[in-house]
Amino acid sequence: MTQTTNLEISNLNELINERINELEMKLIFQDDLLNTLNDIVTRQDKEIMKLWDANRLIKQSMQDIRSGSKDEAVDTPPPHY
């Protein structure tokens, strides 16, 4: 009976070791995925900030154009005068 018990314990230990190895592999893949996703989010955040800056510059340019055209309309008499 001792041999049977030792064999069962040995099989159980082997199963536990296999399961631990599987879990370690899953953890490695998840850690890699997390790092990859973090890199993507960081890059996208930088891209979003650049787009916000570009949008702000476009809005400012549009306001400058509108202001300039209003000033010209007031200062310049129509061509028929």
PDB file of N, CA and C in Angstrom:
ATOM      1  N   MET A   1       0.817  -1.187   0.000  1.00  0.00           N
ATOM      2  CA  MET A   1       0.000   0.000   0.000  1.00  0.00           C
ATOM      3  C   MET A   1       0.865   1.257   0.000  1.00  0.00           C
ATOM      4  N   THR A   2       2.006   1.193   0.547  1.00  0.00           N
ATOM      5  CA  THR A   2       2.910   2.318   0.573  1.00  0.00           C
ATOM      6  C   THR A   2       3.377   2.664  -0.825  1.00  0.00           C
ATOM      7  N   GLN A   3       3.636   1.663  -1.641  1.00  0.00           N
ATOM      8  CA  GLN A   3       4.058   1.931  -3.024  1.00  0.00           C
ATOM      9  C   GLN A   3       2.947   2.603  -3.811  1.00  0.00           C
ATOM     10  N   THR A   4       1.723   2.164  -3.593  1.00  0.00           N
ATOM     11  CA  THR A   4       0.586   2.761  -4.278  1.00  0.00           C
ATOM     12  C   THR A   4       0.419   4.218  -3.845  1.00  0.00           C
ATOM     13  N   THR A   5       0.562   4.460  -2.595  1.00  0.00           N
ATOM     14  CA  THR A   5       0.429   5.816  -2.078  1.00  0.00           C
ATOM     15  C   THR A   5       1.552   6.695  -2.629  1.00  0.00           C
ATOM     16  N   ASN A   6       2.759   6.192  -2.652  1.00  0.00           N
ATOM     17  CA  ASN A   6       3.888   6.946  -3.211  1.00  0.00           C
ATOM     18  C   ASN A   6       3.678   7.232  -4.694  1.00  0.00           C
ATOM     19  N   LEU A   7       3.143   6.253  -5.412  1.00  0.00           N
ATOM     20  CA  LEU A   7       2.868   6.441  -6.832  1.00  0.00           C
ATOM     21  C   LEU A   7       1.793   7.500  -7.042  1.00  0.00           C
ATOM     22  N   GLU A   8       0.759   7.449  -6.200  1.00  0.00           N
ATOM     23  CA  GLU A   8      -0.309   8.449  -6.300  1.00  0.00           C
ATOM     24  C   GLU A   8       0.224   9.842  -5.982  1.00  0.00           C
ATOM     25  N   ILE A   9       1.060   9.932  -4.979  1.00  0.00           N
ATOM     26  CA  ILE A   9       1.649  11.226  -4.616  1.00  0.00           C
ATOM     27  C   ILE A   9       2.548  11.716  -5.739  1.00  0.00           C
ATOM     28  N   SER A  10       3.303  10.820  -6.320  1.00  0.00           N
ATOM     29  CA  SER A  10       4.183  11.186  -7.427  1.00  0.00           C
ATOM     30  C   SER A  10       3.370  11.683  -8.616  1.00  0.00           C
ATOM     31  N   ASN A  11       2.283  10.989  -8.944  1.00  0.00           N
ATOM     32  CA  ASN A  11       1.404  11.415 -10.040  1.00  0.00           C
ATOM     33  C   ASN A  11       0.757  12.760  -9.724  1.00  0.00           C
ATOM     34  N   LEU A  12       0.345  12.924  -8.494  1.00  0.00           N
ATOM     35  CA  LEU A  12      -0.273  14.181  -8.077  1.00  0.00           C
ATOM     36  C   LEU A  12       0.735  15.327  -8.183  1.00  0.00           C
ATOM     37  N   ASN A  13       1.947  15.080  -7.729  1.00  0.00           N
ATOM     38  CA  ASN A  13       2.993  16.102  -7.839  1.00  0.00           C
ATOM     39  C   ASN A  13       3.273  16.458  -9.299  1.00  0.00           C
ATOM     40  N   GLU A  14       3.278  15.470 -10.149  1.00  0.00           N
ATOM     41  CA  GLU A  14       3.509  15.712 -11.580  1.00  0.00           C
ATOM     42  C   GLU A  14       2.380  16.547 -12.175  1.00  0.00           C
ATOM     43  N   LEU A  15       1.150  16.226 -11.812  1.00  0.00           N
ATOM     44  CA  LEU A  15       0.000  16.994 -12.295  1.00  0.00           C
ATOM     45  C   LEU A  15       0.055  18.442 -11.788  1.00  0.00           C
ATOM     46  N   ILE A  16       0.416  18.601 -10.538  1.00  0.00           N
ATOM     47  CA  ILE A  16       0.518  19.945  -9.970  1.00  0.00           C
ATOM     48  C   ILE A  16       1.613  20.731 -10.682  1.00  0.00           C
ATOM     49  N   ASN A  17       2.749  20.116 -10.919  1.00  0.00           N
ATOM     50  CA  ASN A  17       3.844  20.784 -11.633  1.00  0.00           C
ATOM     51  C   ASN A  17       3.445  21.179 -13.051  1.00  0.00           C
ATOM     52  N   GLU A  18       2.725  20.307 -13.737  1.00  0.00           N
ATOM     53  CA  GLU A  18       2.248  20.626 -15.085  1.00  0.00           C
ATOM     54  C   GLU A  18       1.295  21.817 -15.043  1.00  0.00           C
ATOM     55  N   ARG A  19       0.405  21.804 -14.062  1.00  0.00           N
ATOM     56  CA  ARG A  19      -0.556  22.901 -13.933  1.00  0.00           C
ATOM     57  C   ARG A  19       0.161  24.213 -13.609  1.00  0.00           C
ATOM     58  N   ILE A  20       1.149  24.166 -12.741  1.00  0.00           N
ATOM     59  CA  ILE A  20       1.925  25.364 -12.415  1.00  0.00           C
ATOM     60  C   ILE A  20       2.633  25.885 -13.658  1.00  0.00           C
ATOM     61  N   ASN A  21       3.212  24.980 -14.445  1.00  0.00           N
ATOM     62  CA  ASN A  21       3.884  25.390 -15.692  1.00  0.00           C
ATOM     63  C   ASN A  21       2.902  26.049 -16.657  1.00  0.00           C
ATOM     64  N   GLU A  22       1.713  25.480 -16.784  1.00  0.00           N
ATOM     65  CA  GLU A  22       0.693  26.065 -17.659  1.00  0.00           C
ATOM     66  C   GLU A  22       0.315  27.471 -17.176  1.00  0.00           C
ATOM     67  N   LEU A  23       0.125  27.608 -15.881  1.00  0.00           N
ATOM     68  CA  LEU A  23      -0.245  28.917 -15.319  1.00  0.00           C
ATOM     69  C   LEU A  23       0.887  29.929 -15.505  1.00  0.00           C
ATOM     70  N   GLU A  24       2.119  29.498 -15.342  1.00  0.00           N
ATOM     71  CA  GLU A  24       3.251  30.396 -15.556  1.00  0.00           C
ATOM     72  C   GLU A  24       3.314  30.866 -17.005  1.00  0.00           C
ATOM     73  N   MET A  25       3.054  29.967 -17.940  1.00  0.00           N
ATOM     74  CA  MET A  25       3.056  30.343 -19.364  1.00  0.00           C
ATOM     75  C   MET A  25       1.939  31.340 -19.648  1.00  0.00           C
ATOM     76  N   LYS A  26       0.763  31.100 -19.105  1.00  0.00           N
ATOM     77  CA  LYS A  26      -0.344  32.039 -19.291  1.00  0.00           C
ATOM     78  C   LYS A  26       0.000  33.403 -18.705  1.00  0.00           C
ATOM     79  N   LEU A  27       0.639  33.412 -17.557  1.00  0.00           N
ATOM     80  CA  LEU A  27       1.031  34.666 -16.921  1.00  0.00           C
ATOM     81  C   LEU A  27       2.046  35.416 -17.780  1.00  0.00           C
ATOM     82  N   ILE A  28       2.988  34.696 -18.356  1.00  0.00           N
ATOM     83  CA  ILE A  28       3.988  35.325 -19.233  1.00  0.00           C
ATOM     84  C   ILE A  28       3.305  35.968 -20.437  1.00  0.00           C
ATOM     85  N   PHE A  29       2.373  35.238 -21.069  1.00  0.00           N
ATOM     86  CA  PHE A  29       1.662  35.783 -22.228  1.00  0.00           C
ATOM     87  C   PHE A  29       0.807  36.992 -21.834  1.00  0.00           C
ATOM     88  N   GLN A  30       0.141  36.911 -20.690  1.00  0.00           N
ATOM     89  CA  GLN A  30      -0.686  38.034 -20.242  1.00  0.00           C
ATOM     90  C   GLN A  30       0.168  39.250 -19.921  1.00  0.00           C
ATOM     91  N   ASP A  31       1.317  39.026 -19.326  1.00  0.00           N
ATOM     92  CA  ASP A  31       2.232  40.130 -19.016  1.00  0.00           C
ATOM     93  C   ASP A  31       2.718  40.791 -20.303  1.00  0.00           C
ATOM     94  N   ASP A  32       3.045  39.979 -21.296  1.00  0.00           N
ATOM     95  CA  ASP A  32       3.477  40.520 -22.582  1.00  0.00           C
ATOM     96  C   ASP A  32       2.347  41.297 -23.249  1.00  0.00           C
ATOM     97  N   LEU A  33       1.151  40.754 -23.197  1.00  0.00           N
ATOM     98  CA  LEU A  33      -0.011  41.440 -23.776  1.00  0.00           C
ATOM     99  C   LEU A  33      -0.261  42.766 -23.071  1.00  0.00           C
ATOM    100  N   LEU A  34      -0.160  42.772 -21.759  1.00  0.00           N
ATOM    101  CA  LEU A  34      -0.358  43.994 -20.987  1.00  0.00           C
ATOM    102  C   LEU A  34       0.673  45.054 -21.378  1.00  0.00           C
ATOM    103  N   ASN A  35       1.921  44.654 -21.527  1.00  0.00           N
ATOM    104  CA  ASN A  35       2.965  45.604 -21.938  1.00  0.00           C
ATOM    105  C   ASN A  35       2.706  46.139 -23.340  1.00  0.00           C
ATOM    106  N   THR A  36       2.284  45.268 -24.240  1.00  0.00           N
ATOM    107  CA  THR A  36       1.980  45.679 -25.609  1.00  0.00           C
ATOM    108  C   THR A  36       0.818  46.675 -25.618  1.00  0.00           C
ATOM    109  N   LEU A  37      -0.242  46.368 -24.886  1.00  0.00           N
ATOM    110  CA  LEU A  37      -1.393  47.266 -24.820  1.00  0.00           C
ATOM    111  C   LEU A  37      -1.025  48.597 -24.175  1.00  0.00           C
ATOM    112  N   ASN A  38      -0.183  48.556 -23.173  1.00  0.00           N
ATOM    113  CA  ASN A  38       0.268  49.792 -22.530  1.00  0.00           C
ATOM    114  C   ASN A  38       1.043  50.654 -23.527  1.00  0.00           C
ATOM    115  N   ASP A  39       1.900  50.037 -24.327  1.00  0.00           N
ATOM    116  CA  ASP A  39       2.636  50.785 -25.352  1.00  0.00           C
ATOM    117  C   ASP A  39       1.687  51.417 -26.367  1.00  0.00           C
ATOM    118  N   ILE A  40       0.667  50.665 -26.761  1.00  0.00           N
ATOM    119  CA  ILE A  40      -0.306  51.172 -27.735  1.00  0.00           C
ATOM    120  C   ILE A  40      -1.070  52.354 -27.147  1.00  0.00           C
ATOM    121  N   VAL A  41      -1.520  52.225 -25.913  1.00  0.00           N
ATOM    122  CA  VAL A  41      -2.273  53.307 -25.276  1.00  0.00           C
ATOM    123  C   VAL A  41      -1.400  54.551 -25.136  1.00  0.00           C
ATOM    124  N   THR A  42      -0.138  54.366 -24.774  1.00  0.00           N
ATOM    125  CA  THR A  42       0.778  55.504 -24.639  1.00  0.00           C
ATOM    126  C   THR A  42       0.965  56.200 -25.979  1.00  0.00           C
ATOM    127  N   ARG A  43       1.161  55.414 -27.050  1.00  0.00           N
ATOM    128  CA  ARG A  43       1.333  55.995 -28.383  1.00  0.00           C
ATOM    129  C   ARG A  43       0.070  56.719 -28.824  1.00  0.00           C
ATOM    130  N   GLN A  44      -1.086  56.114 -28.577  1.00  0.00           N
ATOM    131  CA  GLN A  44      -2.338  56.756 -28.965  1.00  0.00           C
ATOM    132  C   GLN A  44      -2.572  58.037 -28.174  1.00  0.00           C
ATOM    133  N   ASP A  45      -2.179  58.064 -26.918  1.00  0.00           N
ATOM    134  CA  ASP A  45      -2.323  59.278 -26.121  1.00  0.00           C
ATOM    135  C   ASP A  45      -1.498  60.410 -26.719  1.00  0.00           C
ATOM    136  N   LYS A  46      -0.281  60.096 -27.141  1.00  0.00           N
ATOM    137  CA  LYS A  46       0.573  61.105 -27.776  1.00  0.00           C
ATOM    138  C   LYS A  46      -0.047  61.590 -29.088  1.00  0.00           C
ATOM    139  N   GLU A  47      -0.594  60.663 -29.869  1.00  0.00           N
ATOM    140  CA  GLU A  47      -1.231  61.031 -31.133  1.00  0.00           C
ATOM    141  C   GLU A  47      -2.458  61.913 -30.887  1.00  0.00           C
ATOM    142  N   ILE A  48      -3.230  61.591 -29.871  1.00  0.00           N
ATOM    143  CA  ILE A  48      -4.411  62.398 -29.537  1.00  0.00           C
ATOM    144  C   ILE A  48      -3.996  63.805 -29.137  1.00  0.00           C
ATOM    145  N   MET A  49      -2.941  63.914 -28.346  1.00  0.00           N
ATOM    146  CA  MET A  49      -2.461  65.237 -27.942  1.00  0.00           C
ATOM    147  C   MET A  49      -2.018  66.057 -29.159  1.00  0.00           C
ATOM    148  N   LYS A  50      -1.343  65.410 -30.115  1.00  0.00           N
ATOM    149  CA  LYS A  50      -0.941  66.114 -31.337  1.00  0.00           C
ATOM    150  C   LYS A  50      -2.164  66.567 -32.123  1.00  0.00           C
ATOM    151  N   LEU A  51      -3.175  65.723 -32.191  1.00  0.00           N
ATOM    152  CA  LEU A  51      -4.402  66.088 -32.906  1.00  0.00           C
ATOM    153  C   LEU A  51      -5.110  67.258 -32.222  1.00  0.00           C
ATOM    154  N   TRP A  52      -5.136  67.274 -30.897  1.00  0.00           N
ATOM    155  CA  TRP A  52      -5.730  68.396 -30.169  1.00  0.00           C
ATOM    156  C   TRP A  52      -4.975  69.682 -30.470  1.00  0.00           C
ATOM    157  N   ASP A  53      -3.650  69.594 -30.489  1.00  0.00           N
ATOM    158  CA  ASP A  53      -2.844  70.779 -30.812  1.00  0.00           C
ATOM    159  C   ASP A  53      -3.129  71.256 -32.235  1.00  0.00           C
ATOM    160  N   ALA A  54      -3.198  70.317 -33.184  1.00  0.00           N
ATOM    161  CA  ALA A  54      -3.488  70.685 -34.566  1.00  0.00           C
ATOM    162  C   ALA A  54      -4.873  71.313 -34.673  1.00  0.00           C
ATOM    163  N   ASN A  55      -5.830  70.765 -33.969  1.00  0.00           N
ATOM    164  CA  ASN A  55      -7.191  71.308 -33.980  1.00  0.00           C
ATOM    165  C   ASN A  55      -7.203  72.726 -33.412  1.00  0.00           C
ATOM    166  N   ARG A  56      -6.477  72.940 -32.339  1.00  0.00           N
ATOM    167  CA  ARG A  56      -6.401  74.269 -31.745  1.00  0.00           C
ATOM    168  C   ARG A  56      -5.784  75.270 -32.729  1.00  0.00           C
ATOM    169  N   LEU A  57      -4.724  74.840 -33.426  1.00  0.00           N
ATOM    170  CA  LEU A  57      -4.090  75.727 -34.403  1.00  0.00           C
ATOM    171  C   LEU A  57      -5.027  76.042 -35.571  1.00  0.00           C
ATOM    172  N   ILE A  58      -5.777  75.055 -36.009  1.00  0.00           N
ATOM    173  CA  ILE A  58      -6.731  75.275 -37.103  1.00  0.00           C
ATOM    174  C   ILE A  58      -7.816  76.255 -36.665  1.00  0.00           C
ATOM    175  N   LYS A  59      -8.323  76.068 -35.452  1.00  0.00           N
ATOM    176  CA  LYS A  59      -9.346  76.995 -34.946  1.00  0.00           C
ATOM    177  C   LYS A  59      -8.800  78.412 -34.857  1.00  0.00           C
ATOM    178  N   GLN A  60      -7.562  78.534 -34.366  1.00  0.00           N
ATOM    179  CA  GLN A  60      -6.947  79.856 -34.265  1.00  0.00           C
ATOM    180  C   GLN A  60      -6.773  80.472 -35.643  1.00  0.00           C
ATOM    181  N   SER A  61      -6.349  79.674 -36.618  1.00  0.00           N
ATOM    182  CA  SER A  61      -6.191  80.179 -37.989  1.00  0.00           C
ATOM    183  C   SER A  61      -7.522  80.633 -38.561  1.00  0.00           C
ATOM    184  N   MET A  62      -8.565  79.863 -38.305  1.00  0.00           N
ATOM    185  CA  MET A  62      -9.891  80.245 -38.799  1.00  0.00           C
ATOM    186  C   MET A  62     -10.354  81.560 -38.157  1.00  0.00           C
ATOM    187  N   GLN A  63     -10.090  81.724 -36.873  1.00  0.00           N
ATOM    188  CA  GLN A  63     -10.464  82.976 -36.202  1.00  0.00           C
ATOM    189  C   GLN A  63      -9.666  84.139 -36.772  1.00  0.00           C
ATOM    190  N   ASP A  64      -8.379  83.917 -37.043  1.00  0.00           N
ATOM    191  CA  ASP A  64      -7.552  84.972 -37.633  1.00  0.00           C
ATOM    192  C   ASP A  64      -8.060  85.357 -39.019  1.00  0.00           C
ATOM    193  N   ILE A  65      -8.450  84.354 -39.805  1.00  0.00           N
ATOM    194  CA  ILE A  65      -8.970  84.621 -41.151  1.00  0.00           C
ATOM    195  C   ILE A  65     -10.271  85.411 -41.062  1.00  0.00           C
ATOM    196  N   ARG A  66     -11.151  85.006 -40.149  1.00  0.00           N
ATOM    197  CA  ARG A  66     -12.427  85.715 -39.988  1.00  0.00           C
ATOM    198  C   ARG A  66     -12.191  87.145 -39.528  1.00  0.00           C
ATOM    199  N   SER A  67     -11.289  87.314 -38.587  1.00  0.00           N
ATOM    200  CA  SER A  67     -10.991  88.663 -38.101  1.00  0.00           C
ATOM    201  C   SER A  67     -10.394  89.512 -39.206  1.00  0.00           C
ATOM    202  N   GLY A  68      -9.509  88.953 -39.987  1.00  0.00           N
ATOM    203  CA  GLY A  68      -8.884  89.671 -41.088  1.00  0.00           C
ATOM    204  C   GLY A  68      -9.876  90.059 -42.151  1.00  0.00           C
ATOM    205  N   SER A  69     -10.797  89.192 -42.481  1.00  0.00           N
ATOM    206  CA  SER A  69     -11.774  89.514 -43.522  1.00  0.00           C
ATOM    207  C   SER A  69     -12.766  90.569 -43.033  1.00  0.00           C
ATOM    208  N   LYS A  70     -13.081  90.593 -41.757  1.00  0.00           N
ATOM    209  CA  LYS A  70     -13.973  91.624 -41.215  1.00  0.00           C
ATOM    210  C   LYS A  70     -13.281  92.981 -41.244  1.00  0.00           C
ATOM    211  N   ASP A  71     -12.007  93.017 -40.902  1.00  0.00           N
ATOM    212  CA  ASP A  71     -11.259  94.280 -40.923  1.00  0.00           C
ATOM    213  C   ASP A  71     -11.164  94.833 -42.338  1.00  0.00           C
ATOM    214  N   GLU A  72     -10.921  93.960 -43.305  1.00  0.00           N
ATOM    215  CA  GLU A  72     -10.813  94.395 -44.704  1.00  0.00           C
ATOM    216  C   GLU A  72     -12.143  94.923 -45.216  1.00  0.00           C
ATOM    217  N   ALA A  73     -13.241  94.276 -44.806  1.00  0.00           N
ATOM    218  CA  ALA A  73     -14.567  94.694 -45.263  1.00  0.00           C
ATOM    219  C   ALA A  73     -14.909  96.080 -44.731  1.00  0.00           C
ATOM    220  N   VAL A  74     -14.475  96.411 -43.551  1.00  0.00           N
ATOM    221  CA  VAL A  74     -14.773  97.710 -42.963  1.00  0.00           C
ATOM    222  C   VAL A  74     -13.880  98.787 -43.562  1.00  0.00           C
ATOM    223  N   ASP A  75     -12.600  98.487 -43.762  1.00  0.00           N
ATOM    224  CA  ASP A  75     -11.641  99.489 -44.231  1.00  0.00           C
ATOM    225  C   ASP A  75     -11.705  99.739 -45.734  1.00  0.00           C
ATOM    226  N   THR A  76     -12.043  98.780 -46.503  1.00  0.00           N
ATOM    227  CA  THR A  76     -12.010  98.910 -47.950  1.00  0.00           C
ATOM    228  C   THR A  76     -13.393  99.266 -48.484  1.00  0.00           C
ATOM    229  N   PRO A  77     -13.492 100.368 -49.193  1.00  0.00           N
ATOM    230  CA  PRO A  77     -14.798 100.715 -49.773  1.00  0.00           C
ATOM    231  C   PRO A  77     -15.074  99.795 -50.966  1.00  0.00           C
ATOM    232  N   PRO A  78     -16.322  99.621 -51.284  1.00  0.00           N
ATOM    233  CA  PRO A  78     -16.668  98.789 -52.435  1.00  0.00           C
ATOM    234  C   PRO A  78     -16.062  99.365 -53.709  1.00  0.00           C
ATOM    235  N   PRO A  79     -15.834  98.546 -54.733  1.00  0.00           N
ATOM    236  CA  PRO A  79     -15.167  99.004 -55.953  1.00  0.00           C
ATOM    237  C   PRO A  79     -15.938 100.034 -56.763  1.00  0.00           C
ATOM    238  N   HIS A  80     -17.253 100.148 -56.617  1.00  0.00           N
ATOM    239  CA  HIS A  80     -18.027 101.081 -57.433  1.00  0.00           C
ATOM    240  C   HIS A  80     -17.968 102.514 -56.912  1.00  0.00           C
ATOM    241  N   TYR A  81     -17.299 102.791 -55.805  1.00  0.00           N
ATOM    242  CA  TYR A  81     -17.185 104.183 -55.321  1.00  0.00           C
ATOM    243  C   TYR A  81     -15.979 104.843 -55.859  1.00  0.00           C
TER     244      TYR A  81
END
